Amino acid sequence: MDLGVSPRGSLALFRSSQALAALRGRDFVIPSDVQYLCAPVLTHRLHISPRIRLRGRTPAEVVAEIVGSVPVPVVE
């Protein structure tokens, strides 16, 4: 990847996750809210390298791989 998501991108993910939680009737964000919004909020903010593009990978696939590799916190 050439460039990652900027601080504005992470703020956009934070705020959109809060908005989604509110729309779903909660006053708190859960991990699935963030996972659900990662691709639509972050994909267009990534600048992937030509080497990755030549392998046929899209920004959406890169975001999905990253989201899938991060463990979700659980309360026991």
N, C-alpha and C. Protein backbone atom coordinates (compact mmCIF):
# COMPACT_ATOMS: atom_id res chain seq x y z
N MET A 1 0.86 -1.16 0.00
CA MET A 1 0.00 0.00 0.00
C MET A 1 0.90 1.22 0.00
N ASP A 2 0.59 2.20 -0.81
CA ASP A 2 1.38 3.43 -0.84
C ASP A 2 1.07 4.33 0.34
N LEU A 3 -0.18 4.64 0.52
CA LEU A 3 -0.59 5.51 1.62
C LEU A 3 -1.77 4.90 2.35
N GLY A 4 -1.75 5.05 3.66
CA GLY A 4 -2.85 4.57 4.47
C GLY A 4 -3.92 5.63 4.61
N VAL A 5 -4.83 5.38 5.49
CA VAL A 5 -5.93 6.31 5.75
C VAL A 5 -5.41 7.45 6.62
N SER A 6 -5.84 8.64 6.33
CA SER A 6 -5.41 9.83 7.08
C SER A 6 -6.17 9.93 8.40
N PRO A 7 -5.73 10.82 9.30
CA PRO A 7 -6.49 11.05 10.52
C PRO A 7 -7.94 11.46 10.25
N ARG A 8 -8.17 12.20 9.17
CA ARG A 8 -9.55 12.56 8.83
C ARG A 8 -10.36 11.32 8.48
N GLY A 9 -9.73 10.34 7.86
CA GLY A 9 -10.42 9.09 7.54
C GLY A 9 -10.82 8.32 8.79
N SER A 10 -9.92 8.28 9.77
CA SER A 10 -10.26 7.59 11.01
C SER A 10 -11.35 8.34 11.76
N LEU A 11 -11.35 9.66 11.70
CA LEU A 11 -12.44 10.43 12.32
C LEU A 11 -13.76 10.18 11.61
N ALA A 12 -13.71 10.06 10.28
CA ALA A 12 -14.93 9.78 9.52
C ALA A 12 -15.48 8.41 9.91
N LEU A 13 -14.61 7.43 10.10
CA LEU A 13 -15.06 6.10 10.53
C LEU A 13 -15.65 6.17 11.93
N PHE A 14 -15.02 6.92 12.81
CA PHE A 14 -15.51 7.08 14.18
C PHE A 14 -16.89 7.73 14.19
N ARG A 15 -17.04 8.82 13.48
CA ARG A 15 -18.32 9.54 13.48
C ARG A 15 -19.42 8.76 12.78
N SER A 16 -19.08 8.10 11.69
CA SER A 16 -20.12 7.33 10.99
C SER A 16 -20.54 6.12 11.82
N SER A 17 -19.62 5.55 12.59
CA SER A 17 -19.97 4.44 13.48
C SER A 17 -20.91 4.91 14.58
N GLN A 18 -20.65 6.10 15.11
CA GLN A 18 -21.55 6.68 16.11
C GLN A 18 -22.94 6.92 15.51
N ALA A 19 -22.98 7.42 14.29
CA ALA A 19 -24.25 7.69 13.64
C ALA A 19 -25.02 6.39 13.39
N LEU A 20 -24.32 5.35 12.94
CA LEU A 20 -24.98 4.06 12.70
C LEU A 20 -25.54 3.49 14.00
N ALA A 21 -24.77 3.58 15.07
CA ALA A 21 -25.25 3.10 16.37
C ALA A 21 -26.51 3.86 16.78
N ALA A 22 -26.52 5.17 16.58
CA ALA A 22 -27.70 5.97 16.93
C ALA A 22 -28.90 5.57 16.08
N LEU A 23 -28.67 5.34 14.79
CA LEU A 23 -29.76 4.92 13.91
C LEU A 23 -30.33 3.57 14.33
N ARG A 24 -29.48 2.75 14.92
CA ARG A 24 -29.92 1.43 15.38
C ARG A 24 -30.43 1.46 16.81
N GLY A 25 -30.57 2.67 17.36
CA GLY A 25 -31.17 2.82 18.68
C GLY A 25 -30.24 2.64 19.86
N ARG A 26 -28.94 2.75 19.63
CA ARG A 26 -27.99 2.60 20.72
C ARG A 26 -27.23 3.90 20.94
N ASP A 27 -26.74 4.10 22.15
CA ASP A 27 -25.91 5.26 22.41
C ASP A 27 -24.44 4.86 22.57
N PHE A 28 -24.11 3.69 22.03
CA PHE A 28 -22.73 3.20 22.05
C PHE A 28 -22.46 2.43 20.75
N VAL A 29 -21.20 2.38 20.38
CA VAL A 29 -20.77 1.70 19.16
C VAL A 29 -20.30 0.30 19.52
N ILE A 30 -20.66 -0.68 18.69
CA ILE A 30 -20.16 -2.04 18.88
C ILE A 30 -19.24 -2.38 17.70
N PRO A 31 -18.39 -3.39 17.86
CA PRO A 31 -17.44 -3.72 16.79
C PRO A 31 -18.08 -3.95 15.43
N SER A 32 -19.26 -4.55 15.39
CA SER A 32 -19.88 -4.82 14.08
C SER A 32 -20.27 -3.52 13.37
N ASP A 33 -20.53 -2.45 14.11
CA ASP A 33 -20.79 -1.15 13.47
C ASP A 33 -19.56 -0.69 12.69
N VAL A 34 -18.41 -0.81 13.33
CA VAL A 34 -17.15 -0.38 12.70
C VAL A 34 -16.84 -1.28 11.51
N GLN A 35 -16.98 -2.59 11.69
CA GLN A 35 -16.70 -3.53 10.60
C GLN A 35 -17.61 -3.27 9.40
N TYR A 36 -18.86 -3.00 9.66
CA TYR A 36 -19.84 -2.75 8.60
C TYR A 36 -19.47 -1.52 7.77
N LEU A 37 -18.90 -0.51 8.43
CA LEU A 37 -18.63 0.76 7.75
C LEU A 37 -17.22 0.91 7.21
N CYS A 38 -16.32 0.02 7.56
CA CYS A 38 -14.93 0.17 7.11
C CYS A 38 -14.80 0.31 5.60
N ALA A 39 -15.38 -0.60 4.85
CA ALA A 39 -15.23 -0.53 3.40
C ALA A 39 -15.84 0.73 2.80
N PRO A 40 -17.10 1.08 3.11
CA PRO A 40 -17.66 2.28 2.48
C PRO A 40 -16.95 3.58 2.89
N VAL A 41 -16.42 3.63 4.10
CA VAL A 41 -15.80 4.87 4.57
C VAL A 41 -14.34 4.96 4.17
N LEU A 42 -13.62 3.84 4.16
CA LEU A 42 -12.17 3.90 3.99
C LEU A 42 -11.65 3.55 2.60
N THR A 43 -12.39 2.80 1.83
CA THR A 43 -11.88 2.30 0.55
C THR A 43 -11.39 3.41 -0.37
N HIS A 44 -12.15 4.45 -0.52
CA HIS A 44 -11.74 5.51 -1.45
C HIS A 44 -10.61 6.38 -0.89
N ARG A 45 -10.26 6.17 0.37
CA ARG A 45 -9.19 6.96 1.00
C ARG A 45 -7.83 6.27 0.90
N LEU A 46 -7.79 5.05 0.41
CA LEU A 46 -6.53 4.32 0.29
C LEU A 46 -5.90 4.57 -1.08
N HIS A 47 -4.59 4.64 -1.08
CA HIS A 47 -3.84 4.73 -2.32
C HIS A 47 -2.94 3.50 -2.36
N ILE A 48 -3.37 2.49 -3.09
CA ILE A 48 -2.58 1.26 -3.13
C ILE A 48 -1.54 1.35 -4.23
N SER A 49 -0.46 0.62 -4.02
CA SER A 49 0.67 0.69 -4.95
C SER A 49 0.33 0.00 -6.28
N PRO A 50 1.02 0.41 -7.34
CA PRO A 50 0.81 -0.25 -8.63
C PRO A 50 1.10 -1.75 -8.57
N ARG A 51 2.05 -2.15 -7.72
CA ARG A 51 2.39 -3.56 -7.58
C ARG A 51 1.18 -4.35 -7.07
N ILE A 52 0.46 -3.79 -6.12
CA ILE A 52 -0.74 -4.46 -5.59
C ILE A 52 -1.84 -4.46 -6.65
N ARG A 53 -1.98 -3.36 -7.37
CA ARG A 53 -2.98 -3.30 -8.45
C ARG A 53 -2.70 -4.33 -9.53
N LEU A 54 -1.42 -4.52 -9.86
CA LEU A 54 -1.05 -5.50 -10.88
C LEU A 54 -1.39 -6.92 -10.44
N ARG A 55 -1.43 -7.16 -9.17
CA ARG A 55 -1.84 -8.47 -8.66
C ARG A 55 -3.35 -8.64 -8.70
N GLY A 56 -4.06 -7.58 -9.13
CA GLY A 56 -5.51 -7.67 -9.26
C GLY A 56 -6.27 -7.39 -7.98
N ARG A 57 -5.59 -6.83 -6.99
CA ARG A 57 -6.22 -6.54 -5.71
C ARG A 57 -6.82 -5.14 -5.75
N THR A 58 -7.99 -5.00 -5.17
CA THR A 58 -8.68 -3.72 -5.12
C THR A 58 -8.57 -3.14 -3.71
N PRO A 59 -8.80 -1.83 -3.57
CA PRO A 59 -8.81 -1.25 -2.22
C PRO A 59 -9.82 -1.93 -1.30
N ALA A 60 -10.97 -2.33 -1.83
CA ALA A 60 -11.98 -3.01 -1.02
C ALA A 60 -11.45 -4.33 -0.47
N GLU A 61 -10.69 -5.06 -1.27
CA GLU A 61 -10.11 -6.32 -0.80
C GLU A 61 -9.06 -6.08 0.27
N VAL A 62 -8.28 -5.02 0.10
CA VAL A 62 -7.26 -4.69 1.10
C VAL A 62 -7.93 -4.34 2.43
N VAL A 63 -8.98 -3.53 2.39
CA VAL A 63 -9.70 -3.15 3.62
C VAL A 63 -10.31 -4.40 4.25
N ALA A 64 -10.93 -5.26 3.46
CA ALA A 64 -11.54 -6.48 3.99
C ALA A 64 -10.50 -7.38 4.66
N GLU A 65 -9.33 -7.47 4.08
CA GLU A 65 -8.26 -8.28 4.66
C GLU A 65 -7.81 -7.71 6.02
N ILE A 66 -7.68 -6.40 6.07
CA ILE A 66 -7.27 -5.75 7.31
C ILE A 66 -8.34 -5.94 8.39
N VAL A 67 -9.59 -5.70 8.03
CA VAL A 67 -10.69 -5.85 9.00
C VAL A 67 -10.76 -7.29 9.49
N GLY A 68 -10.56 -8.23 8.61
CA GLY A 68 -10.60 -9.64 9.00
C GLY A 68 -9.43 -10.08 9.88
N SER A 69 -8.34 -9.34 9.83
CA SER A 69 -7.17 -9.73 10.61
C SER A 69 -7.14 -9.13 12.02
N VAL A 70 -8.02 -8.17 12.28
CA VAL A 70 -8.04 -7.53 13.60
C VAL A 70 -9.01 -8.27 14.51
N PRO A 71 -8.51 -8.75 15.65
CA PRO A 71 -9.41 -9.46 16.55
C PRO A 71 -10.45 -8.51 17.17
N VAL A 72 -11.66 -9.02 17.29
CA VAL A 72 -12.76 -8.23 17.87
C VAL A 72 -12.74 -8.43 19.39
N PRO A 73 -12.77 -7.34 20.15
CA PRO A 73 -12.77 -7.51 21.61
C PRO A 73 -14.08 -8.13 22.09
N VAL A 74 -13.97 -9.01 23.07
CA VAL A 74 -15.14 -9.66 23.64
C VAL A 74 -15.14 -9.50 25.16
N VAL A 75 -16.32 -9.32 25.70
CA VAL A 75 -16.47 -9.20 27.14
C VAL A 75 -16.94 -10.55 27.66
N GLU A 76 -16.23 -11.06 28.63
CA GLU A 76 -16.61 -12.38 29.19
C GLU A 76 -17.32 -12.23 30.50
